[in-house]
């Protein structure tokens, strides 16, 4: 029985492409695109390989060769900044 035949295809909510995306994976440190669904990463690689997960409602953001790093959070606007006051380096 082929249950996969009736499975609904999942599409990314947003794809960031045309950038330098640091993956934190020593075997594959840089990618040019990343796809997300429900605030979770669903694919990392290059934009050409993301055709199957790009739907009509998928938002595609061109990073214009800029860099994207995971985990860097703009803390100046966060209300919890006071808790980390002496624990981070502020780069202005």
C-alpha atoms as a PDB file:
ATOM      1  CA  UNK A   1       0.000   0.000   0.000  1.00  0.00           C
ATOM      2  CA  UNK A   2       1.426   3.411  -0.979  1.00  0.00           C
ATOM      3  CA  UNK A   3       0.611   5.783   1.859  1.00  0.00           C
ATOM      4  CA  UNK A   4       3.123   8.368   0.630  1.00  0.00           C
ATOM      5  CA  UNK A   5       1.033   8.846  -2.513  1.00  0.00           C
ATOM      6  CA  UNK A   6      -1.685  10.696  -0.574  1.00  0.00           C
ATOM      7  CA  UNK A   7       0.666  12.700   1.617  1.00  0.00           C
ATOM      8  CA  UNK A   8       0.160  16.468   1.367  1.00  0.00           C
ATOM      9  CA  UNK A   9       3.211  18.229  -0.009  1.00  0.00           C
ATOM     10  CA  UNK A  10       4.694  20.743   2.425  1.00  0.00           C
ATOM     11  CA  UNK A  11       5.914  24.087   1.173  1.00  0.00           C
ATOM     12  CA  UNK A  12       8.210  26.568   2.880  1.00  0.00           C
ATOM     13  CA  UNK A  13       6.693  29.685   4.416  1.00  0.00           C
ATOM     14  CA  UNK A  14       9.803  31.714   3.596  1.00  0.00           C
ATOM     15  CA  UNK A  15      13.059  31.152   1.732  1.00  0.00           C
ATOM     16  CA  UNK A  16      16.104  33.372   2.160  1.00  0.00           C
ATOM     17  CA  UNK A  17      18.325  33.157  -0.915  1.00  0.00           C
ATOM     18  CA  UNK A  18      21.310  34.726  -2.655  1.00  0.00           C
ATOM     19  CA  UNK A  19      23.264  35.170   0.559  1.00  0.00           C
ATOM     20  CA  UNK A  20      26.158  33.840   2.593  1.00  0.00           C
ATOM     21  CA  UNK A  21      24.436  31.723   5.249  1.00  0.00           C
ATOM     22  CA  UNK A  22      26.597  30.266   7.999  1.00  0.00           C
ATOM     23  CA  UNK A  23      25.330  26.789   8.924  1.00  0.00           C
ATOM     24  CA  UNK A  24      27.544  25.924  11.932  1.00  0.00           C
ATOM     25  CA  UNK A  25      28.110  22.504  10.326  1.00  0.00           C
ATOM     26  CA  UNK A  26      31.856  21.842   9.856  1.00  0.00           C
ATOM     27  CA  UNK A  27      31.134  19.539   6.899  1.00  0.00           C
ATOM     28  CA  UNK A  28      28.977  22.187   5.149  1.00  0.00           C
ATOM     29  CA  UNK A  29      29.815  25.587   6.723  1.00  0.00           C
ATOM     30  CA  UNK A  30      28.208  27.891   4.140  1.00  0.00           C
ATOM     31  CA  UNK A  31      24.996  27.795   2.099  1.00  0.00           C
ATOM     32  CA  UNK A  32      23.338  30.256  -0.268  1.00  0.00           C
ATOM     33  CA  UNK A  33      19.706  29.579   0.732  1.00  0.00           C
ATOM     34  CA  UNK A  34      17.644  28.472   3.718  1.00  0.00           C
ATOM     35  CA  UNK A  35      13.938  27.562   3.823  1.00  0.00           C
ATOM     36  CA  UNK A  36      11.706  27.834   6.899  1.00  0.00           C
ATOM     37  CA  UNK A  37       8.243  26.553   7.792  1.00  0.00           C
ATOM     38  CA  UNK A  38       6.407  27.293  11.035  1.00  0.00           C
ATOM     39  CA  UNK A  39       9.477  29.145  12.394  1.00  0.00           C
ATOM     40  CA  UNK A  40      11.694  26.068  11.875  1.00  0.00           C
ATOM     41  CA  UNK A  41      14.416  25.435   9.319  1.00  0.00           C
ATOM     42  CA  UNK A  42      13.289  22.833   6.807  1.00  0.00           C
ATOM     43  CA  UNK A  43      16.072  22.987   4.194  1.00  0.00           C
ATOM     44  CA  UNK A  44      19.555  24.435   3.744  1.00  0.00           C
ATOM     45  CA  UNK A  45      21.504  24.529   0.497  1.00  0.00           C
ATOM     46  CA  UNK A  46      21.177  26.498  -2.707  1.00  0.00           C
ATOM     47  CA  UNK A  47      18.035  28.087  -4.116  1.00  0.00           C
ATOM     48  CA  UNK A  48      18.044  25.912  -7.245  1.00  0.00           C
ATOM     49  CA  UNK A  49      17.475  22.844  -5.058  1.00  0.00           C
ATOM     50  CA  UNK A  50      14.423  24.319  -3.315  1.00  0.00           C
ATOM     51  CA  UNK A  51      11.986  24.167  -6.211  1.00  0.00           C
ATOM     52  CA  UNK A  52       9.998  21.291  -4.685  1.00  0.00           C
ATOM     53  CA  UNK A  53       9.290  23.203  -1.486  1.00  0.00           C
ATOM     54  CA  UNK A  54       8.528  26.566  -3.095  1.00  0.00           C
ATOM     55  CA  UNK A  55       4.769  27.072  -3.287  1.00  0.00           C
ATOM     56  CA  UNK A  56       2.500  29.882  -4.449  1.00  0.00           C
ATOM     57  CA  UNK A  57       2.423  31.382  -0.937  1.00  0.00           C
ATOM     58  CA  UNK A  58       6.143  30.995  -0.225  1.00  0.00           C
ATOM     59  CA  UNK A  59       7.822  34.358   0.431  1.00  0.00           C
ATOM     60  CA  UNK A  60      11.256  34.542  -1.208  1.00  0.00           C
ATOM     61  CA  UNK A  61      13.685  37.079   0.286  1.00  0.00           C
ATOM     62  CA  UNK A  62      16.756  38.070  -1.720  1.00  0.00           C
ATOM     63  CA  UNK A  63      19.612  38.665   0.736  1.00  0.00           C
ATOM     64  CA  UNK A  64      21.569  40.477  -2.010  1.00  0.00           C
ATOM     65  CA  UNK A  65      24.862  38.757  -1.107  1.00  0.00           C
ATOM     66  CA  UNK A  66      24.556  39.755   2.570  1.00  0.00           C
ATOM     67  CA  UNK A  67      25.490  37.454   5.457  1.00  0.00           C
ATOM     68  CA  UNK A  68      23.095  35.532   7.707  1.00  0.00           C
ATOM     69  CA  UNK A  69      24.233  34.025  10.992  1.00  0.00           C
ATOM     70  CA  UNK A  70      22.061  31.874  13.288  1.00  0.00           C
ATOM     71  CA  UNK A  71      21.595  32.908  16.873  1.00  0.00           C
ATOM     72  CA  UNK A  72      22.553  36.545  16.586  1.00  0.00           C
ATOM     73  CA  UNK A  73      19.710  38.465  18.196  1.00  0.00           C
ATOM     74  CA  UNK A  74      19.340  42.230  18.233  1.00  0.00           C
ATOM     75  CA  UNK A  75      19.274  42.630  21.994  1.00  0.00           C
ATOM     76  CA  UNK A  76      18.957  46.414  22.210  1.00  0.00           C
ATOM     77  CA  UNK A  77      15.207  46.237  21.565  1.00  0.00           C
ATOM     78  CA  UNK A  78      14.615  43.269  23.855  1.00  0.00           C
ATOM     79  CA  UNK A  79      13.154  43.870  27.329  1.00  0.00           C
ATOM     80  CA  UNK A  80      15.499  41.241  28.812  1.00  0.00           C
ATOM     81  CA  UNK A  81      18.601  43.244  27.879  1.00  0.00           C
ATOM     82  CA  UNK A  82      19.100  44.327  31.494  1.00  0.00           C
ATOM     83  CA  UNK A  83      19.657  40.694  32.540  1.00  0.00           C
ATOM     84  CA  UNK A  84      22.582  40.427  30.111  1.00  0.00           C
ATOM     85  CA  UNK A  85      23.966  43.917  30.649  1.00  0.00           C
ATOM     86  CA  UNK A  86      27.559  42.902  31.412  1.00  0.00           C
ATOM     87  CA  UNK A  87      27.512  39.657  29.436  1.00  0.00           C
ATOM     88  CA  UNK A  88      27.683  40.795  25.802  1.00  0.00           C
ATOM     89  CA  UNK A  89      29.794  42.932  23.542  1.00  0.00           C
ATOM     90  CA  UNK A  90      27.840  45.798  22.007  1.00  0.00           C
ATOM     91  CA  UNK A  91      28.914  46.486  18.438  1.00  0.00           C
ATOM     92  CA  UNK A  92      27.528  49.795  17.242  1.00  0.00           C
END
